[in-house]
Amino acid sequence: MTAFDSTAYWEARYRGGGNSGAGSYGRLAAFKADFINAFVADNHVDGVLDLGCGDGHLQSLLHVPAYTGVDVSITALACCITRYPHRRFVPLPQLDASHAADLALSIDVIFHLIEDDVFARHVASAFDHARRFVLMYASNAERNWAAPHVRHRRFTDHVAATQPGWRLTAHVPNLYPYDPDRPDDTSFADFFVYARSGAACTVRVPAAA
């Protein structure tokens, strides 16, 4: 049996005309954008690094002073560059220290990283390139899932073990918890807010839907 290749899966998906998935559209996208925009404003964030920007629809809703999108899919990045020429996009292999930002985002990415080494590198990249904050929107429990491109992990244990200079300051449940009867507009992911040790952090909890 051939091992799953996350990069190949997403490149083939975008090349075939697919998008980043239902979570990047509709009320889920609006919820995520509202939370991120409020966090950016409240904490005076001057730049955002989006690790796994996908087709770019979510970032079209973000109000940030500076934005860099990163993805494994060259096809997705080419579409983003065409749609948003005023923003910066970088292939993952070209990510380096020059792309550091106040805030690193990992939105609906972690549970798509099937391979352990790919997952570990993604987490390290988020914290290595964030000056003050990391926002992760993901599931956080070990459980099985039918879709081959989904793997749920208790990722907070890994972060705690590998990122001692950071603290988990908030866990904010999403407004639309997963309902198997409505998989396209509900989600198993929540926001997890990390701040570098010593950094003040304001988190605005959204009102219930």
C-alpha atoms as a PDB file:
ATOM      1  CA  MET A   1       0.000   0.000   0.000  1.00  0.00           C
ATOM      2  CA  THR A   2       1.372   3.412  -1.041  1.00  0.00           C
ATOM      3  CA  ALA A   3       1.961   5.876   1.805  1.00  0.00           C
ATOM      4  CA  PHE A   4      -0.253   8.954   1.779  1.00  0.00           C
ATOM      5  CA  ASP A   5       1.474  12.069   0.434  1.00  0.00           C
ATOM      6  CA  SER A   6      -0.134  15.274   1.736  1.00  0.00           C
ATOM      7  CA  THR A   7       1.649  17.524  -0.746  1.00  0.00           C
ATOM      8  CA  ALA A   8       0.692  15.377  -3.727  1.00  0.00           C
ATOM      9  CA  TYR A   9      -2.920  15.161  -2.536  1.00  0.00           C
ATOM     10  CA  TRP A  10      -3.401  18.938  -2.287  1.00  0.00           C
ATOM     11  CA  GLU A  11      -1.575  19.730  -5.518  1.00  0.00           C
ATOM     12  CA  ALA A  12      -3.731  17.206  -7.378  1.00  0.00           C
ATOM     13  CA  ARG A  13      -6.879  18.547  -5.729  1.00  0.00           C
ATOM     14  CA  TYR A  14      -6.220  22.157  -6.738  1.00  0.00           C
ATOM     15  CA  ARG A  15      -4.915  21.207 -10.178  1.00  0.00           C
ATOM     16  CA  GLY A  16      -8.152  19.300 -10.745  1.00  0.00           C
ATOM     17  CA  GLY A  17     -10.239  22.392  -9.984  1.00  0.00           C
ATOM     18  CA  GLY A  18     -10.935  21.675  -6.312  1.00  0.00           C
ATOM     19  CA  ASN A  19     -10.871  24.250  -3.532  1.00  0.00           C
ATOM     20  CA  SER A  20      -9.783  24.430   0.099  1.00  0.00           C
ATOM     21  CA  GLY A  21     -12.983  22.812   1.314  1.00  0.00           C
ATOM     22  CA  ALA A  22     -16.301  23.870   2.812  1.00  0.00           C
ATOM     23  CA  GLY A  23     -14.635  25.261   5.938  1.00  0.00           C
ATOM     24  CA  SER A  24     -13.080  28.046   3.893  1.00  0.00           C
ATOM     25  CA  TYR A  25     -16.463  29.334   2.766  1.00  0.00           C
ATOM     26  CA  GLY A  26     -19.818  30.369   4.204  1.00  0.00           C
ATOM     27  CA  ARG A  27     -20.436  30.905   7.888  1.00  0.00           C
ATOM     28  CA  LEU A  28     -17.356  28.943   8.975  1.00  0.00           C
ATOM     29  CA  ALA A  29     -15.095  31.250   6.980  1.00  0.00           C
ATOM     30  CA  ALA A  30     -16.919  34.285   8.368  1.00  0.00           C
ATOM     31  CA  PHE A  31     -16.474  33.021  11.938  1.00  0.00           C
ATOM     32  CA  LYS A  32     -12.754  32.398  11.464  1.00  0.00           C
ATOM     33  CA  ALA A  33     -12.162  35.728   9.729  1.00  0.00           C
ATOM     34  CA  ASP A  34     -14.058  37.641  12.417  1.00  0.00           C
ATOM     35  CA  PHE A  35     -11.998  36.010  15.169  1.00  0.00           C
ATOM     36  CA  ILE A  36      -8.683  36.608  13.415  1.00  0.00           C
ATOM     37  CA  ASN A  37      -9.548  40.205  12.514  1.00  0.00           C
ATOM     38  CA  ALA A  38     -10.522  40.975  16.113  1.00  0.00           C
ATOM     39  CA  PHE A  39      -7.330  39.341  17.401  1.00  0.00           C
ATOM     40  CA  VAL A  40      -5.171  41.312  14.972  1.00  0.00           C
ATOM     41  CA  ALA A  41      -6.834  44.606  15.945  1.00  0.00           C
ATOM     42  CA  ASP A  42      -6.846  43.984  19.710  1.00  0.00           C
ATOM     43  CA  ASN A  43      -3.196  42.929  19.812  1.00  0.00           C
ATOM     44  CA  HIS A  44      -1.862  45.487  17.311  1.00  0.00           C
ATOM     45  CA  VAL A  45      -0.502  42.783  15.024  1.00  0.00           C
ATOM     46  CA  ASP A  46       1.515  44.307  12.198  1.00  0.00           C
ATOM     47  CA  GLY A  47       1.932  41.232   9.992  1.00  0.00           C
ATOM     48  CA  VAL A  48       0.474  37.759   9.427  1.00  0.00           C
ATOM     49  CA  LEU A  49       2.091  34.596   8.069  1.00  0.00           C
ATOM     50  CA  ASP A  50      -0.571  32.137   6.890  1.00  0.00           C
ATOM     51  CA  LEU A  51       0.856  28.599   6.762  1.00  0.00           C
ATOM     52  CA  GLY A  52      -1.479  26.710   4.455  1.00  0.00           C
ATOM     53  CA  CYS A  53      -3.324  29.521   2.693  1.00  0.00           C
ATOM     54  CA  GLY A  54      -4.853  27.186   0.105  1.00  0.00           C
ATOM     55  CA  ASP A  55      -7.052  28.817  -2.509  1.00  0.00           C
ATOM     56  CA  GLY A  56      -6.966  32.126  -0.635  1.00  0.00           C
ATOM     57  CA  HIS A  57     -10.663  32.586  -0.001  1.00  0.00           C
ATOM     58  CA  LEU A  58     -10.324  32.934   3.770  1.00  0.00           C
ATOM     59  CA  GLN A  59      -7.560  35.523   3.483  1.00  0.00           C
ATOM     60  CA  SER A  60      -9.811  37.588   1.219  1.00  0.00           C
ATOM     61  CA  LEU A  61     -11.863  38.233   4.370  1.00  0.00           C
ATOM     62  CA  LEU A  62      -8.915  39.245   6.544  1.00  0.00           C
ATOM     63  CA  HIS A  63      -8.133  42.855   7.428  1.00  0.00           C
ATOM     64  CA  VAL A  64      -4.426  42.790   8.214  1.00  0.00           C
ATOM     65  CA  PRO A  65      -1.685  45.346   7.576  1.00  0.00           C
ATOM     66  CA  ALA A  66       0.664  42.827   5.948  1.00  0.00           C
ATOM     67  CA  TYR A  67       0.012  39.273   4.776  1.00  0.00           C
ATOM     68  CA  THR A  68       2.172  36.414   3.491  1.00  0.00           C
ATOM     69  CA  GLY A  69       0.514  33.196   2.367  1.00  0.00           C
ATOM     70  CA  VAL A  70       2.415  29.901   2.235  1.00  0.00           C
ATOM     71  CA  ASP A  71       1.284  26.626   0.702  1.00  0.00           C
ATOM     72  CA  VAL A  72       2.572  23.309  -0.620  1.00  0.00           C
ATOM     73  CA  SER A  73       0.480  23.606  -3.787  1.00  0.00           C
ATOM     74  CA  ILE A  74       2.033  25.584  -6.619  1.00  0.00           C
ATOM     75  CA  THR A  75      -1.342  25.604  -8.376  1.00  0.00           C
ATOM     76  CA  ALA A  76      -3.090  27.166  -5.387  1.00  0.00           C
ATOM     77  CA  LEU A  77      -0.357  29.783  -4.997  1.00  0.00           C
ATOM     78  CA  ALA A  78      -0.552  30.716  -8.685  1.00  0.00           C
ATOM     79  CA  CYS A  79      -4.287  31.341  -8.290  1.00  0.00           C
ATOM     80  CA  CYS A  80      -3.689  33.441  -5.159  1.00  0.00           C
ATOM     81  CA  ILE A  81      -1.044  35.558  -6.877  1.00  0.00           C
ATOM     82  CA  THR A  82      -3.458  36.281  -9.723  1.00  0.00           C
ATOM     83  CA  ARG A  83      -6.382  37.097  -7.426  1.00  0.00           C
ATOM     84  CA  TYR A  84      -4.454  39.077  -4.816  1.00  0.00           C
ATOM     85  CA  PRO A  85      -1.461  40.777  -6.473  1.00  0.00           C
ATOM     86  CA  HIS A  86      -1.092  43.181  -3.536  1.00  0.00           C
ATOM     87  CA  ARG A  87      -0.257  40.351  -1.136  1.00  0.00           C
ATOM     88  CA  ARG A  88       2.769  38.106  -0.834  1.00  0.00           C
ATOM     89  CA  PHE A  89       2.733  34.357  -1.480  1.00  0.00           C
ATOM     90  CA  VAL A  90       5.595  31.905  -0.972  1.00  0.00           C
ATOM     91  CA  PRO A  91       5.993  28.194  -1.779  1.00  0.00           C
ATOM     92  CA  LEU A  92       6.659  26.224   1.397  1.00  0.00           C
ATOM     93  CA  PRO A  93      10.210  25.161   0.364  1.00  0.00           C
ATOM     94  CA  GLN A  94      11.156  28.857   0.056  1.00  0.00           C
ATOM     95  CA  LEU A  95       9.998  29.798   3.562  1.00  0.00           C
ATOM     96  CA  ASP A  96      12.878  31.281   5.523  1.00  0.00           C
ATOM     97  CA  ALA A  97      13.673  33.679   8.352  1.00  0.00           C
ATOM     98  CA  SER A  98      12.837  36.711   6.220  1.00  0.00           C
ATOM     99  CA  HIS A  99       9.171  35.716   6.343  1.00  0.00           C
ATOM    100  CA  ALA A 100       8.810  36.021  10.131  1.00  0.00           C
ATOM    101  CA  ALA A 101       5.695  37.880  11.304  1.00  0.00           C
ATOM    102  CA  ASP A 102       3.990  39.015  14.488  1.00  0.00           C
ATOM    103  CA  LEU A 103       1.336  36.314  14.047  1.00  0.00           C
ATOM    104  CA  ALA A 104       1.501  32.880  12.427  1.00  0.00           C
ATOM    105  CA  LEU A 105      -1.731  31.193  11.369  1.00  0.00           C
ATOM    106  CA  SER A 106      -2.403  27.480  10.966  1.00  0.00           C
ATOM    107  CA  ILE A 107      -6.050  27.300   9.919  1.00  0.00           C
ATOM    108  CA  ASP A 108      -7.620  23.928   9.074  1.00  0.00           C
ATOM    109  CA  VAL A 109      -4.175  22.509   8.331  1.00  0.00           C
ATOM    110  CA  ILE A 110      -3.026  20.246  11.166  1.00  0.00           C
ATOM    111  CA  PHE A 111      -5.698  17.576  10.699  1.00  0.00           C
ATOM    112  CA  HIS A 112      -4.721  17.312   7.017  1.00  0.00           C
ATOM    113  CA  LEU A 113      -1.082  16.480   7.812  1.00  0.00           C
ATOM    114  CA  ILE A 114      -1.148  12.710   7.734  1.00  0.00           C
ATOM    115  CA  GLU A 115       2.590  12.109   7.957  1.00  0.00           C
ATOM    116  CA  ASP A 116       4.233  12.531  11.369  1.00  0.00           C
ATOM    117  CA  ASP A 117       7.300  14.310   9.989  1.00  0.00           C
ATOM    118  CA  VAL A 118       5.213  16.736   7.931  1.00  0.00           C
ATOM    119  CA  PHE A 119       3.098  17.522  10.996  1.00  0.00           C
ATOM    120  CA  ALA A 120       6.178  18.125  13.155  1.00  0.00           C
ATOM    121  CA  ARG A 121       7.760  20.432  10.565  1.00  0.00           C
ATOM    122  CA  HIS A 122       4.545  22.431  10.214  1.00  0.00           C
ATOM    123  CA  VAL A 123       4.288  23.023  13.956  1.00  0.00           C
ATOM    124  CA  ALA A 124       7.957  23.999  14.154  1.00  0.00           C
ATOM    125  CA  SER A 125       7.578  26.407  11.220  1.00  0.00           C
ATOM    126  CA  ALA A 126       4.625  28.149  12.838  1.00  0.00           C
ATOM    127  CA  PHE A 127       6.468  28.837  16.089  1.00  0.00           C
ATOM    128  CA  ASP A 128       9.843  29.495  14.476  1.00  0.00           C
ATOM    129  CA  HIS A 129       8.384  32.232  12.250  1.00  0.00           C
ATOM    130  CA  ALA A 130       6.055  33.869  14.782  1.00  0.00           C
ATOM    131  CA  ARG A 131       7.401  36.793  16.779  1.00  0.00           C
ATOM    132  CA  ARG A 132       4.518  37.073  19.261  1.00  0.00           C
ATOM    133  CA  PHE A 133       1.495  34.866  18.542  1.00  0.00           C
ATOM    134  CA  VAL A 134       0.352  31.639  16.880  1.00  0.00           C
ATOM    135  CA  LEU A 135      -3.291  30.906  16.115  1.00  0.00           C
ATOM    136  CA  MET A 136      -4.104  27.300  15.369  1.00  0.00           C
ATOM    137  CA  TYR A 137      -7.568  26.254  14.233  1.00  0.00           C
ATOM    138  CA  ALA A 138      -7.728  22.472  14.438  1.00  0.00           C
ATOM    139  CA  SER A 139      -9.215  19.450  16.128  1.00  0.00           C
ATOM    140  CA  ASN A 140      -7.362  18.326  19.239  1.00  0.00           C
ATOM    141  CA  ALA A 141      -8.188  14.703  19.959  1.00  0.00           C
ATOM    142  CA  GLU A 142      -6.899  11.339  18.798  1.00  0.00           C
ATOM    143  CA  ARG A 143      -9.691   9.705  16.827  1.00  0.00           C
ATOM    144  CA  ASN A 144     -10.286   7.818  13.614  1.00  0.00           C
ATOM    145  CA  TRP A 145     -11.795   9.424  10.534  1.00  0.00           C
ATOM    146  CA  ALA A 146     -12.982   7.863   7.299  1.00  0.00           C
ATOM    147  CA  ALA A 147     -11.482  10.416   4.880  1.00  0.00           C
ATOM    148  CA  PRO A 148      -7.902   9.461   3.920  1.00  0.00           C
ATOM    149  CA  HIS A 149      -6.748  13.111   3.939  1.00  0.00           C
ATOM    150  CA  VAL A 150      -7.869  13.677   7.560  1.00  0.00           C
ATOM    151  CA  ARG A 151      -5.955  12.608  10.669  1.00  0.00           C
ATOM    152  CA  HIS A 152      -6.998  13.918  14.069  1.00  0.00           C
ATOM    153  CA  ARG A 153      -4.273  14.498  16.649  1.00  0.00           C
ATOM    154  CA  ARG A 154      -3.994  15.884  20.155  1.00  0.00           C
ATOM    155  CA  PHE A 155      -1.543  18.436  18.827  1.00  0.00           C
ATOM    156  CA  THR A 156      -1.379  20.531  22.016  1.00  0.00           C
ATOM    157  CA  ASP A 157       0.683  17.781  23.678  1.00  0.00           C
ATOM    158  CA  HIS A 158       3.242  18.028  20.887  1.00  0.00           C
ATOM    159  CA  VAL A 159       3.376  21.818  21.160  1.00  0.00           C
ATOM    160  CA  ALA A 160       3.824  21.651  24.936  1.00  0.00           C
ATOM    161  CA  ALA A 161       6.704  19.191  24.524  1.00  0.00           C
ATOM    162  CA  THR A 162       8.514  21.030  21.731  1.00  0.00           C
ATOM    163  CA  GLN A 163       7.812  24.749  22.270  1.00  0.00           C
ATOM    164  CA  PRO A 164       8.775  25.618  25.856  1.00  0.00           C
ATOM    165  CA  GLY A 165       8.989  29.348  25.122  1.00  0.00           C
ATOM    166  CA  TRP A 166       5.278  29.571  24.374  1.00  0.00           C
ATOM    167  CA  ARG A 167       2.097  29.312  26.402  1.00  0.00           C
ATOM    168  CA  LEU A 168      -1.433  28.302  25.428  1.00  0.00           C
ATOM    169  CA  THR A 169      -3.441  31.352  26.466  1.00  0.00           C
ATOM    170  CA  ALA A 170      -6.912  30.417  25.200  1.00  0.00           C
ATOM    171  CA  HIS A 171      -8.990  27.640  23.697  1.00  0.00           C
ATOM    172  CA  VAL A 172     -11.960  29.161  21.889  1.00  0.00           C
ATOM    173  CA  PRO A 173     -14.611  26.697  20.620  1.00  0.00           C
ATOM    174  CA  ASN A 174     -16.036  27.421  17.207  1.00  0.00           C
ATOM    175  CA  LEU A 175     -19.610  28.638  16.986  1.00  0.00           C
ATOM    176  CA  TYR A 176     -20.724  25.708  14.826  1.00  0.00           C
ATOM    177  CA  PRO A 177     -19.567  22.412  16.396  1.00  0.00           C
ATOM    178  CA  TYR A 178     -19.452  19.395  14.145  1.00  0.00           C
ATOM    179  CA  ASP A 179     -22.785  17.871  13.136  1.00  0.00           C
ATOM    180  CA  PRO A 180     -22.530  14.819  10.835  1.00  0.00           C
ATOM    181  CA  ASP A 181     -25.838  15.817   9.277  1.00  0.00           C
ATOM    182  CA  ARG A 182     -24.362  19.222   8.304  1.00  0.00           C
ATOM    183  CA  PRO A 183     -20.705  18.539   7.489  1.00  0.00           C
ATOM    184  CA  ASP A 184     -20.346  21.497   5.133  1.00  0.00           C
ATOM    185  CA  ASP A 185     -21.185  24.253   7.618  1.00  0.00           C
ATOM    186  CA  THR A 186     -20.068  22.770  10.949  1.00  0.00           C
ATOM    187  CA  SER A 187     -16.549  21.909  12.127  1.00  0.00           C
ATOM    188  CA  PHE A 188     -14.638  19.764  14.604  1.00  0.00           C
ATOM    189  CA  ALA A 189     -11.962  22.489  14.848  1.00  0.00           C
ATOM    190  CA  ASP A 190     -11.532  25.171  17.525  1.00  0.00           C
ATOM    191  CA  PHE A 191      -9.126  28.092  17.941  1.00  0.00           C
ATOM    192  CA  PHE A 192      -6.041  27.584  20.097  1.00  0.00           C
ATOM    193  CA  VAL A 193      -4.197  30.806  20.908  1.00  0.00           C
ATOM    194  CA  TYR A 194      -0.490  30.718  21.764  1.00  0.00           C
ATOM    195  CA  ALA A 195       1.595  33.664  22.956  1.00  0.00           C
ATOM    196  CA  ARG A 196       5.342  33.847  23.353  1.00  0.00           C
ATOM    197  CA  SER A 197       6.313  33.842  27.021  1.00  0.00           C
ATOM    198  CA  GLY A 198       6.122  37.389  28.360  1.00  0.00           C
ATOM    199  CA  ALA A 199       3.887  38.695  25.557  1.00  0.00           C
ATOM    200  CA  ALA A 200       0.598  40.279  26.598  1.00  0.00           C
ATOM    201  CA  CYS A 201      -2.361  38.766  24.762  1.00  0.00           C
ATOM    202  CA  THR A 202      -5.987  39.823  24.392  1.00  0.00           C
ATOM    203  CA  VAL A 203      -8.546  37.262  23.209  1.00  0.00           C
ATOM    204  CA  ARG A 204     -12.076  38.278  22.352  1.00  0.00           C
ATOM    205  CA  VAL A 205     -14.451  35.298  22.763  1.00  0.00           C
ATOM    206  CA  PRO A 206     -17.223  35.438  20.135  1.00  0.00           C
ATOM    207  CA  ALA A 207     -20.852  35.429  21.217  1.00  0.00           C
ATOM    208  CA  ALA A 208     -22.803  32.216  20.695  1.00  0.00           C
ATOM    209  CA  ALA A 209     -24.512  31.875  17.336  1.00  0.00           C
END
